[in-house]
Structure formats: C-alpha cells, structure tokens
N, C-alpha and C. Protein backbone atom coordinates (compact mmCIF):
# COMPACT_ATOMS: atom_id res chain seq x y z
N MET A 1 24.39 155.40 -207.29
CA MET A 1 23.91 155.78 -208.60
C MET A 1 25.00 155.53 -209.64
N LEU A 2 24.64 154.85 -210.69
CA LEU A 2 25.58 154.53 -211.75
C LEU A 2 25.78 155.74 -212.66
N THR A 3 27.03 156.03 -212.97
CA THR A 3 27.36 157.15 -213.86
C THR A 3 28.15 156.63 -215.05
N PHE A 4 28.19 157.44 -216.11
CA PHE A 4 29.01 157.07 -217.26
C PHE A 4 30.47 156.92 -216.86
N GLU A 5 30.94 157.81 -215.98
CA GLU A 5 32.34 157.76 -215.55
C GLU A 5 32.65 156.43 -214.86
N LYS A 6 31.73 155.96 -214.04
CA LYS A 6 31.95 154.69 -213.34
C LYS A 6 31.99 153.53 -214.34
N VAL A 7 31.07 153.55 -215.32
CA VAL A 7 31.06 152.50 -216.34
C VAL A 7 32.38 152.49 -217.11
N PHE A 8 32.85 153.68 -217.49
CA PHE A 8 34.12 153.76 -218.21
C PHE A 8 35.27 153.24 -217.35
N SER A 9 35.25 153.58 -216.09
CA SER A 9 36.30 153.13 -215.18
C SER A 9 36.32 151.61 -215.05
N VAL A 10 35.15 151.02 -214.87
CA VAL A 10 35.04 149.56 -214.68
C VAL A 10 35.45 148.81 -215.95
N PHE A 11 35.03 149.30 -217.11
CA PHE A 11 35.27 148.57 -218.36
C PHE A 11 36.55 149.00 -219.08
N SER A 12 37.27 149.94 -218.53
CA SER A 12 38.50 150.42 -219.17
C SER A 12 39.50 149.29 -219.49
N PRO A 13 39.78 148.36 -218.56
CA PRO A 13 40.72 147.28 -218.89
C PRO A 13 40.24 146.43 -220.08
N PHE A 14 38.96 146.12 -220.12
CA PHE A 14 38.41 145.35 -221.23
C PHE A 14 38.53 146.12 -222.55
N LEU A 15 38.18 147.38 -222.54
CA LEU A 15 38.23 148.18 -223.76
C LEU A 15 39.66 148.33 -224.27
N THR A 16 40.59 148.46 -223.36
CA THR A 16 42.01 148.58 -223.74
C THR A 16 42.53 147.26 -224.30
N GLU A 17 42.23 146.15 -223.62
CA GLU A 17 42.71 144.84 -224.07
C GLU A 17 42.11 144.44 -225.40
N ASN A 18 40.82 144.65 -225.55
CA ASN A 18 40.10 144.20 -226.74
C ASN A 18 40.46 145.05 -227.95
N GLY A 19 40.37 146.34 -227.82
CA GLY A 19 40.79 147.26 -228.87
C GLY A 19 39.87 147.41 -230.07
N ILE A 20 38.73 146.72 -230.09
CA ILE A 20 37.87 146.86 -231.26
C ILE A 20 36.67 147.76 -231.01
N TYR A 21 36.49 148.21 -229.78
CA TYR A 21 35.37 149.07 -229.45
C TYR A 21 35.84 150.49 -229.21
N GLU A 22 35.06 151.43 -229.72
CA GLU A 22 35.26 152.83 -229.42
C GLU A 22 33.94 153.38 -228.92
N ILE A 23 34.02 154.26 -227.96
CA ILE A 23 32.82 154.88 -227.43
C ILE A 23 32.93 156.38 -227.66
N VAL A 24 31.93 156.93 -228.33
CA VAL A 24 31.93 158.36 -228.62
C VAL A 24 30.68 159.00 -228.02
N SER A 25 30.84 160.22 -227.59
CA SER A 25 29.72 160.97 -227.05
C SER A 25 29.04 161.69 -228.21
N THR A 26 27.73 161.51 -228.32
CA THR A 26 26.96 162.17 -229.37
C THR A 26 25.85 162.99 -228.71
N SER A 27 25.13 163.72 -229.52
CA SER A 27 24.04 164.54 -228.98
C SER A 27 22.90 163.68 -228.43
N HIS A 28 22.87 162.40 -228.79
CA HIS A 28 21.81 161.50 -228.32
C HIS A 28 22.26 160.58 -227.19
N GLY A 29 23.53 160.62 -226.84
CA GLY A 29 24.07 159.76 -225.80
C GLY A 29 25.39 159.15 -226.24
N HIS A 30 25.92 158.25 -225.45
CA HIS A 30 27.16 157.57 -225.81
C HIS A 30 26.86 156.47 -226.82
N THR A 31 27.74 156.34 -227.80
CA THR A 31 27.56 155.35 -228.85
C THR A 31 28.76 154.41 -228.86
N VAL A 32 28.49 153.12 -228.83
CA VAL A 32 29.53 152.10 -228.86
C VAL A 32 29.67 151.62 -230.31
N LEU A 33 30.88 151.77 -230.84
CA LEU A 33 31.19 151.35 -232.21
C LEU A 33 32.09 150.13 -232.16
N GLU A 34 31.80 149.13 -232.99
CA GLU A 34 32.62 147.93 -233.05
C GLU A 34 33.30 147.88 -234.41
N TRP A 35 34.62 147.74 -234.42
CA TRP A 35 35.43 147.79 -235.63
C TRP A 35 35.81 146.40 -236.11
N ASP A 36 35.67 146.15 -237.40
CA ASP A 36 36.12 144.90 -238.03
C ASP A 36 37.38 145.24 -238.81
N SER A 37 38.52 144.82 -238.29
CA SER A 37 39.80 145.18 -238.92
C SER A 37 40.00 144.50 -240.27
N ARG A 38 39.41 143.35 -240.46
CA ARG A 38 39.54 142.67 -241.77
C ARG A 38 38.79 143.41 -242.86
N ALA A 39 37.55 143.77 -242.57
CA ALA A 39 36.73 144.46 -243.57
C ALA A 39 36.99 145.97 -243.58
N GLN A 40 37.71 146.45 -242.56
CA GLN A 40 38.00 147.87 -242.42
C GLN A 40 36.72 148.71 -242.40
N GLU A 41 35.78 148.29 -241.52
CA GLU A 41 34.54 149.04 -241.39
C GLU A 41 33.92 148.80 -240.01
N TRP A 42 33.02 149.69 -239.63
CA TRP A 42 32.27 149.53 -238.40
C TRP A 42 31.20 148.48 -238.65
N ILE A 43 31.13 147.48 -237.78
CA ILE A 43 30.15 146.41 -237.99
C ILE A 43 29.00 146.48 -237.00
N SER A 44 29.12 147.30 -235.98
CA SER A 44 28.06 147.43 -235.00
C SER A 44 28.09 148.83 -234.41
N VAL A 45 26.92 149.41 -234.27
CA VAL A 45 26.78 150.72 -233.65
C VAL A 45 25.60 150.64 -232.69
N LYS A 46 25.87 150.94 -231.41
CA LYS A 46 24.81 150.85 -230.39
C LYS A 46 24.76 152.15 -229.60
N LEU A 47 23.59 152.79 -229.62
CA LEU A 47 23.38 154.01 -228.85
C LEU A 47 23.03 153.63 -227.42
N CYS A 48 23.69 154.27 -226.46
CA CYS A 48 23.45 154.01 -225.05
C CYS A 48 23.16 155.34 -224.36
N ALA A 49 21.88 155.63 -224.18
CA ALA A 49 21.46 156.92 -223.65
C ALA A 49 21.65 157.05 -222.14
N THR A 50 21.77 155.93 -221.46
CA THR A 50 21.93 155.95 -220.00
C THR A 50 23.16 155.14 -219.59
N PRO A 51 23.69 155.41 -218.42
CA PRO A 51 24.82 154.60 -217.93
C PRO A 51 24.45 153.12 -217.81
N GLU A 52 23.22 152.84 -217.42
CA GLU A 52 22.78 151.45 -217.30
C GLU A 52 22.80 150.74 -218.64
N LYS A 53 22.35 151.42 -219.69
CA LYS A 53 22.36 150.82 -221.03
C LYS A 53 23.79 150.63 -221.52
N LEU A 54 24.68 151.57 -221.23
CA LEU A 54 26.08 151.43 -221.61
C LEU A 54 26.70 150.24 -220.89
N ALA A 55 26.43 150.10 -219.60
CA ALA A 55 26.96 148.97 -218.84
C ALA A 55 26.44 147.66 -219.39
N GLU A 56 25.15 147.59 -219.70
CA GLU A 56 24.56 146.38 -220.26
C GLU A 56 25.19 146.02 -221.60
N THR A 57 25.37 147.01 -222.45
CA THR A 57 25.97 146.79 -223.77
C THR A 57 27.41 146.29 -223.64
N LEU A 58 28.19 146.94 -222.77
CA LEU A 58 29.58 146.53 -222.61
C LEU A 58 29.69 145.17 -221.93
N LEU A 59 28.78 144.84 -221.04
CA LEU A 59 28.77 143.52 -220.42
C LEU A 59 28.50 142.44 -221.46
N ASP A 60 27.57 142.71 -222.38
CA ASP A 60 27.30 141.77 -223.48
C ASP A 60 28.53 141.61 -224.37
N ASP A 61 29.18 142.75 -224.69
CA ASP A 61 30.38 142.70 -225.53
C ASP A 61 31.51 141.95 -224.83
N LEU A 62 31.66 142.20 -223.54
CA LEU A 62 32.66 141.49 -222.74
C LEU A 62 32.41 139.99 -222.77
N THR A 63 31.16 139.59 -222.62
CA THR A 63 30.81 138.17 -222.62
C THR A 63 31.21 137.52 -223.94
N GLY A 64 30.86 138.15 -225.04
CA GLY A 64 31.24 137.62 -226.35
C GLY A 64 32.75 137.52 -226.51
N TYR A 65 33.45 138.52 -226.01
CA TYR A 65 34.91 138.52 -226.09
C TYR A 65 35.50 137.38 -225.26
N LEU A 66 34.99 137.19 -224.05
CA LEU A 66 35.49 136.11 -223.18
C LEU A 66 35.19 134.74 -223.78
N GLU A 67 34.02 134.61 -224.40
CA GLU A 67 33.67 133.34 -225.05
C GLU A 67 34.63 133.05 -226.19
N TYR A 68 34.93 134.06 -226.99
CA TYR A 68 35.86 133.86 -228.09
C TYR A 68 37.26 133.54 -227.56
N LYS A 69 37.67 134.28 -226.55
CA LYS A 69 39.00 134.06 -225.97
C LYS A 69 39.15 132.64 -225.42
N ALA A 70 38.08 132.10 -224.85
CA ALA A 70 38.12 130.75 -224.28
C ALA A 70 38.25 129.68 -225.34
N THR A 71 37.67 129.91 -226.51
CA THR A 71 37.61 128.85 -227.53
C THR A 71 38.39 129.19 -228.80
N LEU A 72 38.75 130.45 -228.96
CA LEU A 72 39.38 130.95 -230.19
C LEU A 72 38.54 130.59 -231.42
N GLY A 73 37.24 130.42 -231.20
CA GLY A 73 36.33 130.10 -232.29
C GLY A 73 36.51 128.71 -232.87
N ARG A 74 37.22 127.85 -232.14
CA ARG A 74 37.56 126.51 -232.67
C ARG A 74 36.74 125.38 -232.06
N ARG A 75 35.98 125.68 -231.02
CA ARG A 75 35.21 124.63 -230.35
C ARG A 75 34.04 125.24 -229.62
N ASP A 76 33.13 124.39 -229.19
CA ASP A 76 32.01 124.85 -228.38
C ASP A 76 32.49 125.14 -226.96
N LEU A 77 31.77 126.01 -226.29
CA LEU A 77 32.08 126.30 -224.90
C LEU A 77 31.79 125.08 -224.03
N THR A 78 32.64 124.83 -223.06
CA THR A 78 32.39 123.77 -222.09
C THR A 78 31.70 124.38 -220.87
N TYR A 79 31.22 123.53 -219.98
CA TYR A 79 30.62 124.02 -218.74
C TYR A 79 31.65 124.79 -217.91
N ASP A 80 32.89 124.32 -217.91
CA ASP A 80 33.95 125.04 -217.19
C ASP A 80 34.17 126.43 -217.78
N ASP A 81 34.19 126.51 -219.13
CA ASP A 81 34.33 127.81 -219.79
C ASP A 81 33.22 128.76 -219.34
N MET A 82 32.00 128.25 -219.39
CA MET A 82 30.84 129.07 -219.04
C MET A 82 30.89 129.52 -217.59
N ALA A 83 31.35 128.65 -216.71
CA ALA A 83 31.47 129.00 -215.29
C ALA A 83 32.51 130.10 -215.09
N GLN A 84 33.64 129.98 -215.77
CA GLN A 84 34.69 131.00 -215.66
C GLN A 84 34.22 132.34 -216.23
N ILE A 85 33.53 132.29 -217.35
CA ILE A 85 33.01 133.51 -217.96
C ILE A 85 31.99 134.16 -217.04
N ASN A 86 31.11 133.37 -216.47
CA ASN A 86 30.11 133.91 -215.55
C ASN A 86 30.78 134.54 -214.32
N ALA A 87 31.83 133.91 -213.83
CA ALA A 87 32.54 134.46 -212.67
C ALA A 87 33.16 135.82 -213.03
N GLN A 88 33.74 135.93 -214.22
CA GLN A 88 34.33 137.19 -214.64
C GLN A 88 33.25 138.26 -214.83
N ARG A 89 32.12 137.87 -215.39
CA ARG A 89 30.99 138.81 -215.53
C ARG A 89 30.54 139.33 -214.16
N GLN A 90 30.45 138.43 -213.21
CA GLN A 90 30.01 138.81 -211.87
C GLN A 90 30.97 139.80 -211.22
N GLU A 91 32.27 139.66 -211.52
CA GLU A 91 33.25 140.62 -211.00
C GLU A 91 32.97 142.02 -211.54
N TYR A 92 32.66 142.11 -212.83
CA TYR A 92 32.34 143.39 -213.43
C TYR A 92 31.05 143.96 -212.84
N ILE A 93 30.06 143.12 -212.69
CA ILE A 93 28.77 143.56 -212.13
C ILE A 93 28.97 144.08 -210.72
N ALA A 94 29.78 143.40 -209.92
CA ALA A 94 30.03 143.84 -208.54
C ALA A 94 30.73 145.19 -208.53
N LYS A 95 31.63 145.43 -209.45
CA LYS A 95 32.33 146.72 -209.51
C LYS A 95 31.41 147.86 -209.92
N LEU A 96 30.34 147.54 -210.64
CA LEU A 96 29.40 148.57 -211.06
C LEU A 96 28.50 149.04 -209.92
N ARG A 97 28.40 148.25 -208.88
CA ARG A 97 27.51 148.61 -207.74
C ARG A 97 28.11 149.63 -206.85
C-alpha cells in the first residue's frame, strides 16, 4: 500500500536537488507548490488528496526536470535523452512499489 511517507521518501532526493517545489499539508490533502524564482511567485499549485496522486504529480514534475536538465532548454530531446529519462522514471516507479 502506497503512503504519503513512502512517496516523500522516494522523491526526497529530487525535491532536495530541484529546490523549486514545496509540499504542504492542507485540510484538503497535500499540495505541491512550484516556485518561479525570477518572477518571485508560485506558478503552479496542485492538490494531491491521495498518495497515488502525489506520486503521479511528482513523477510528472521529475520528468519535466530531467528533460530540462538533459537539454538546458537549448535543444530538442534526442532518443537517447528520452531513453535515459524513461530509465530514471522507471527507477522511481520501482521504488514506489
């Protein structure tokens, strides 16, 4: 059974390295906030009422981060980039099980 604690444990390295996401507990569930340091404002807010939704949201955020890291926003992703990103995603998915 997936728990919030397990999701936090699995994604902790990504959240620490990336530094733009904060997760807060609210009365409606955990909320993922994305910070834009240039504009000095929150640019994305996603409510995650279940551990599965939190894992899905963080996996999507991780994917975007890995894509940016691979290209630095200067080129299109190559097939090799996509394969490496998929492999890293699969590692996270395996840890969630």
